[in-house]
Amino acid sequence: MCSMTDPYQVIHNRDPFKQRMLQKCARSVRRKVLTAIRDRSSLNVRILTRSPLAREDFDLMKSFGDRLLLGTSLPTLDQTIANLYEPKAPAPKQKLKLLLDAHAAGIPTYVAVAPVYPEVGYQGILEVFEAVKEAAPHTIFMEPVNLRLGVAERINAEATKLDRKIDMSPYLDSEVWAKYAIRTLHDAERAAEAAGFSDRLHLWPDHDALGSKHVVKTQPNPEAYVRWLEGWWKRISEWPGRQQSSHPSTP
């Protein structure tokens, strides 16, 4: 809950009464779904949200024990970068506080350091890794920003609105993007080692883009590069009480 849509969203309506009622109904649906999963199945639940509204269900989440993980996406702690790429999302400090509060409440956590933007760099990734230590995340997922349809146009429009010049080449040139993505994935490996998280890091290399024949051929050691990719693609992430999987070696 949910890989593409945040399950904890504020529902807007011009009528304050209707907005409160809609928000109340949404919360009721979430709690009924979680309760049904907890009581009528053996399913595990992984929740990914950016919203502080998740605190409303901490009591229910805690009742799952080791069957539930709560995570947030935290690609950067830099508010200036966040303003450019996530102008409508809660501030990075709010998302970090949600993760820390969940851990303090006894809820197992994870974090998605994704999508990581070109401006973040090694130091920015390391900063996030160090910041989430207190939340004891079971897994740290990481992914460079992807070249999905419309991303470049939206980012460029936001940069123009903020009167900020940014390097658009990773979004407009697939070869430049591939170099940026591979470098960023390696930066994450180095940062995880420095932060003591190597055993919990789970990279998400783009299968089609970074596994393409063209990109593979450009690598100094194509065979080692493919083994490295496949190691991450096959990786099974941690779960409370489950033995941790091995960490693929860097080519």
Protein backbone atom coordinates (compact mmCIF):
# COMPACT_ATOMS: atom_id res chain seq x y z
CA MET A 1 0.00 0.00 0.00
CA CYS A 2 0.72 1.44 -2.45
CA SER A 3 3.39 1.16 -5.09
CA MET A 4 2.02 3.92 -7.34
CA THR A 5 -0.42 5.96 -5.22
CA ASP A 6 0.13 7.20 -1.67
CA PRO A 7 -2.54 5.62 0.56
CA TYR A 8 -2.45 8.59 2.95
CA GLN A 9 -3.55 11.63 0.97
CA VAL A 10 -5.38 14.81 1.91
CA ILE A 11 -8.67 14.99 0.02
CA HIS A 12 -9.41 18.56 -1.05
CA ASN A 13 -12.88 20.03 -1.43
CA ARG A 14 -14.09 23.63 -1.53
CA ASP A 15 -16.68 22.79 1.11
CA PRO A 16 -14.85 22.31 4.45
CA PHE A 17 -17.61 20.02 5.75
CA LYS A 18 -17.41 17.77 2.67
CA GLN A 19 -13.63 17.70 2.92
CA ARG A 20 -13.78 16.54 6.54
CA MET A 21 -16.35 13.87 5.68
CA LEU A 22 -14.36 12.62 2.68
CA GLN A 23 -11.19 12.48 4.78
CA LYS A 24 -13.07 10.57 7.47
CA CYS A 25 -14.40 8.08 4.90
CA ALA A 26 -10.94 7.57 3.42
CA ARG A 27 -9.50 6.80 6.82
CA SER A 28 -12.33 4.36 7.50
CA VAL A 29 -11.62 2.50 4.25
CA ARG A 30 -7.90 2.25 5.02
CA ARG A 31 -8.52 0.91 8.51
CA LYS A 32 -11.10 -1.62 7.28
CA VAL A 33 -8.66 -2.87 4.62
CA LEU A 34 -5.82 -3.21 7.11
CA THR A 35 -8.05 -4.87 9.69
CA ALA A 36 -9.34 -7.37 7.13
CA ILE A 37 -5.80 -8.24 6.03
CA ARG A 38 -4.65 -8.64 9.62
CA ASP A 39 -7.60 -10.74 10.82
CA ARG A 40 -8.58 -12.73 7.72
CA SER A 41 -5.32 -13.50 5.96
CA SER A 42 -1.69 -14.38 6.51
CA LEU A 43 -0.50 -11.61 4.18
CA ASN A 44 2.32 -9.27 5.10
CA VAL A 45 1.86 -5.55 4.44
CA ARG A 46 4.38 -2.99 3.22
CA ILE A 47 3.11 0.60 3.36
CA LEU A 48 4.90 3.38 1.48
CA THR A 49 3.80 6.94 2.17
CA ARG A 50 5.09 10.49 2.29
CA SER A 51 2.28 11.66 4.53
CA PRO A 52 2.26 12.43 8.27
CA LEU A 53 -1.40 11.24 8.16
CA ALA A 54 -0.03 7.71 8.59
CA ARG A 55 0.28 8.45 12.30
CA GLU A 56 -3.51 8.12 12.49
CA ASP A 57 -3.12 4.37 12.03
CA PHE A 58 -0.04 3.72 14.18
CA ASP A 59 -2.18 1.80 16.66
CA LEU A 60 -3.47 -0.52 13.94
CA MET A 61 -0.06 -0.91 12.29
CA LYS A 62 1.51 -1.86 15.60
CA SER A 63 -1.07 -4.64 16.05
CA PHE A 64 0.40 -6.44 13.00
CA GLY A 65 3.65 -7.14 14.82
CA ASP A 66 6.24 -8.42 12.33
CA ARG A 67 3.69 -8.66 9.50
CA LEU A 68 3.85 -4.96 8.61
CA LEU A 69 6.55 -2.54 7.50
CA LEU A 70 6.01 1.21 7.23
CA GLY A 71 8.27 3.22 4.96
CA THR A 72 8.60 6.63 3.40
CA SER A 73 10.35 7.89 0.29
CA LEU A 74 13.23 10.17 1.27
CA PRO A 75 15.45 10.94 -1.73
CA THR A 76 17.02 14.01 -0.14
CA LEU A 77 17.13 16.02 3.07
CA ASP A 78 17.86 19.20 1.12
CA GLN A 79 14.70 21.33 1.18
CA THR A 80 15.87 23.39 -1.81
CA ILE A 81 16.16 20.26 -3.97
CA ALA A 82 12.87 18.97 -2.59
CA ASN A 83 11.15 22.23 -3.55
CA LEU A 84 12.25 21.69 -7.14
CA TYR A 85 11.39 18.03 -7.54
CA GLU A 86 8.62 17.47 -4.97
CA PRO A 87 6.93 20.87 -4.59
CA LYS A 88 3.66 19.43 -3.25
CA ALA A 89 5.07 16.70 -1.03
CA PRO A 90 5.64 16.99 2.74
CA ALA A 91 9.05 18.40 3.66
CA PRO A 92 11.96 15.94 4.01
CA LYS A 93 12.18 16.66 7.74
CA GLN A 94 8.51 15.74 8.14
CA LYS A 95 9.00 12.43 6.35
CA LEU A 96 12.08 11.63 8.42
CA LYS A 97 10.16 12.45 11.61
CA LEU A 98 7.37 10.07 10.53
CA LEU A 99 9.89 7.27 10.15
CA LEU A 100 11.49 7.98 13.52
CA ASP A 101 8.11 8.19 15.24
CA ALA A 102 7.02 4.87 13.72
CA HIS A 103 10.14 3.17 15.03
CA ALA A 104 9.60 4.73 18.46
CA ALA A 105 6.04 3.37 18.39
CA GLY A 106 7.34 -0.15 17.80
CA ILE A 107 6.46 -0.33 14.09
CA PRO A 108 9.09 -1.96 11.83
CA THR A 109 10.32 0.49 9.19
CA TYR A 110 12.05 0.75 5.85
CA VAL A 111 13.00 3.68 3.62
CA ALA A 112 12.99 4.30 -0.12
CA VAL A 113 15.80 6.68 -0.99
CA ALA A 114 14.11 7.23 -4.31
CA PRO A 115 14.05 8.77 -6.73
CA VAL A 116 17.54 10.20 -6.23
CA TYR A 117 18.10 13.33 -8.34
CA PRO A 118 21.33 14.31 -10.12
CA GLU A 119 21.88 17.22 -7.72
CA VAL A 120 21.89 14.97 -4.63
CA GLY A 121 25.21 13.19 -5.22
CA TYR A 122 27.18 10.92 -2.91
CA GLN A 123 27.18 13.32 0.03
CA GLY A 124 23.42 13.79 -0.14
CA ILE A 125 22.81 10.03 -0.22
CA LEU A 126 25.14 9.52 2.74
CA GLU A 127 23.32 12.28 4.63
CA VAL A 128 20.01 10.43 4.23
CA PHE A 129 21.54 7.10 5.24
CA GLU A 130 23.01 8.61 8.40
CA ALA A 131 19.75 10.39 9.24
CA VAL A 132 17.60 7.24 9.09
CA LYS A 133 19.88 5.17 11.33
CA GLU A 134 17.81 6.00 14.40
CA ALA A 135 14.73 4.50 12.71
CA ALA A 136 16.55 1.16 12.25
CA PRO A 137 15.12 0.49 8.76
CA HIS A 138 15.04 -3.17 7.77
CA THR A 139 15.74 -2.30 4.13
CA ILE A 140 16.97 0.80 2.33
CA PHE A 141 15.70 0.83 -1.23
CA MET A 142 17.43 3.17 -3.65
CA GLU A 143 16.71 4.22 -7.24
CA PRO A 144 18.00 7.07 -9.46
CA VAL A 145 15.32 9.30 -10.93
CA ASN A 146 13.90 7.59 -14.00
CA LEU A 147 13.13 8.82 -17.51
CA ARG A 148 9.38 8.33 -17.38
CA LEU A 149 7.10 10.14 -19.77
CA GLY A 150 6.71 13.79 -18.89
CA VAL A 151 9.32 13.90 -16.12
CA ALA A 152 11.75 16.14 -18.02
CA GLU A 153 9.05 18.63 -19.00
CA ARG A 154 7.68 18.85 -15.47
CA ILE A 155 11.11 19.32 -13.90
CA ASN A 156 12.09 21.96 -16.43
CA ALA A 157 8.82 23.84 -15.89
CA GLU A 158 9.30 23.82 -12.11
CA ALA A 159 12.91 25.00 -12.44
CA THR A 160 11.76 27.87 -14.68
CA LYS A 161 9.08 28.83 -12.17
CA LEU A 162 11.67 28.89 -9.39
CA ASP A 163 14.12 30.78 -11.65
CA ARG A 164 16.70 28.05 -11.14
CA LYS A 165 19.07 26.67 -13.75
CA ILE A 166 19.62 22.92 -13.63
CA ASP A 167 21.44 20.43 -15.83
CA MET A 168 18.71 18.83 -17.94
CA SER A 169 21.06 16.53 -19.89
CA PRO A 170 20.36 13.42 -17.76
CA TYR A 171 16.68 13.75 -18.68
CA LEU A 172 17.12 14.47 -22.37
CA ASP A 173 19.95 12.12 -23.37
CA SER A 174 19.67 8.39 -22.61
CA GLU A 175 23.45 7.86 -22.63
CA VAL A 176 24.01 10.72 -20.19
CA TRP A 177 21.21 9.37 -18.01
CA ALA A 178 22.72 5.86 -17.99
CA LYS A 179 26.09 7.22 -16.84
CA TYR A 180 24.40 9.30 -14.14
CA ALA A 181 22.27 6.34 -12.99
CA ILE A 182 25.18 3.89 -12.76
CA ARG A 183 27.34 6.45 -10.95
CA THR A 184 24.50 7.16 -8.50
CA LEU A 185 23.95 3.45 -7.81
CA HIS A 186 27.66 3.05 -7.05
CA ASP A 187 27.51 6.17 -4.85
CA ALA A 188 24.74 4.48 -2.89
CA GLU A 189 26.87 1.38 -2.39
CA ARG A 190 29.74 3.49 -1.08
CA ALA A 191 27.44 5.54 1.15
CA ALA A 192 25.79 2.38 2.53
CA GLU A 193 29.19 0.97 3.43
CA ALA A 194 30.21 4.23 5.11
CA ALA A 195 26.94 4.33 7.09
CA GLY A 196 27.06 0.63 8.02
CA PHE A 197 24.04 -0.28 5.89
CA SER A 198 25.59 -2.48 3.19
CA ASP A 199 23.65 -5.54 4.37
CA ARG A 200 20.33 -3.67 4.13
CA LEU A 201 20.81 -1.78 0.88
CA HIS A 202 18.56 -2.81 -2.00
CA LEU A 203 19.25 -1.03 -5.27
CA TRP A 204 16.62 -0.77 -8.02
CA PRO A 205 18.57 -0.62 -11.33
CA ASP A 206 16.19 0.03 -14.23
CA HIS A 207 15.90 -3.30 -16.04
CA ASP A 208 15.24 -2.02 -19.56
CA ALA A 209 17.50 1.04 -19.56
CA LEU A 210 20.55 -0.18 -17.64
CA GLY A 211 20.26 -3.77 -18.85
CA SER A 212 20.10 -2.85 -22.53
CA LYS A 213 22.74 -4.29 -24.86
CA HIS A 214 23.96 -0.81 -25.72
CA VAL A 215 24.64 0.14 -22.09
CA VAL A 216 26.20 -3.25 -21.28
CA LYS A 217 28.65 -2.88 -24.18
CA THR A 218 29.87 0.49 -22.88
CA GLN A 219 30.97 -0.95 -19.52
CA PRO A 220 34.69 -1.71 -18.86
CA ASN A 221 33.79 -5.27 -17.81
CA PRO A 222 30.40 -6.18 -19.35
CA GLU A 223 30.22 -9.64 -17.76
CA ALA A 224 30.87 -8.33 -14.26
CA TYR A 225 28.40 -5.50 -14.87
CA VAL A 226 25.63 -7.94 -15.86
CA ARG A 227 26.33 -10.10 -12.79
CA TRP A 228 26.09 -6.97 -10.65
CA LEU A 229 22.74 -6.00 -12.18
CA GLU A 230 21.33 -9.51 -11.85
CA GLY A 231 22.41 -9.65 -8.22
CA TRP A 232 20.27 -6.61 -7.44
CA TRP A 233 17.37 -7.77 -9.59
CA LYS A 234 17.24 -11.10 -7.73
CA ARG A 235 17.74 -9.58 -4.30
CA ILE A 236 15.06 -10.42 -1.72
CA SER A 237 14.64 -7.56 0.71
CA GLU A 238 14.66 -7.93 4.47
CA TRP A 239 11.63 -8.57 6.60
CA PRO A 240 11.43 -8.70 10.40
CA GLY A 241 12.49 -12.15 11.52
CA ARG A 242 13.77 -13.14 8.07
CA GLN A 243 17.44 -13.82 7.43
CA GLN A 244 19.10 -11.08 5.42
CA SER A 245 20.18 -11.82 1.86
CA SER A 246 23.68 -11.33 0.52
CA HIS A 247 24.89 -8.07 -0.99
CA PRO A 248 25.88 -8.19 -4.69
CA SER A 249 29.48 -7.21 -5.36
CA THR A 250 30.29 -4.06 -7.31
CA PRO A 251 31.82 -4.72 -10.77
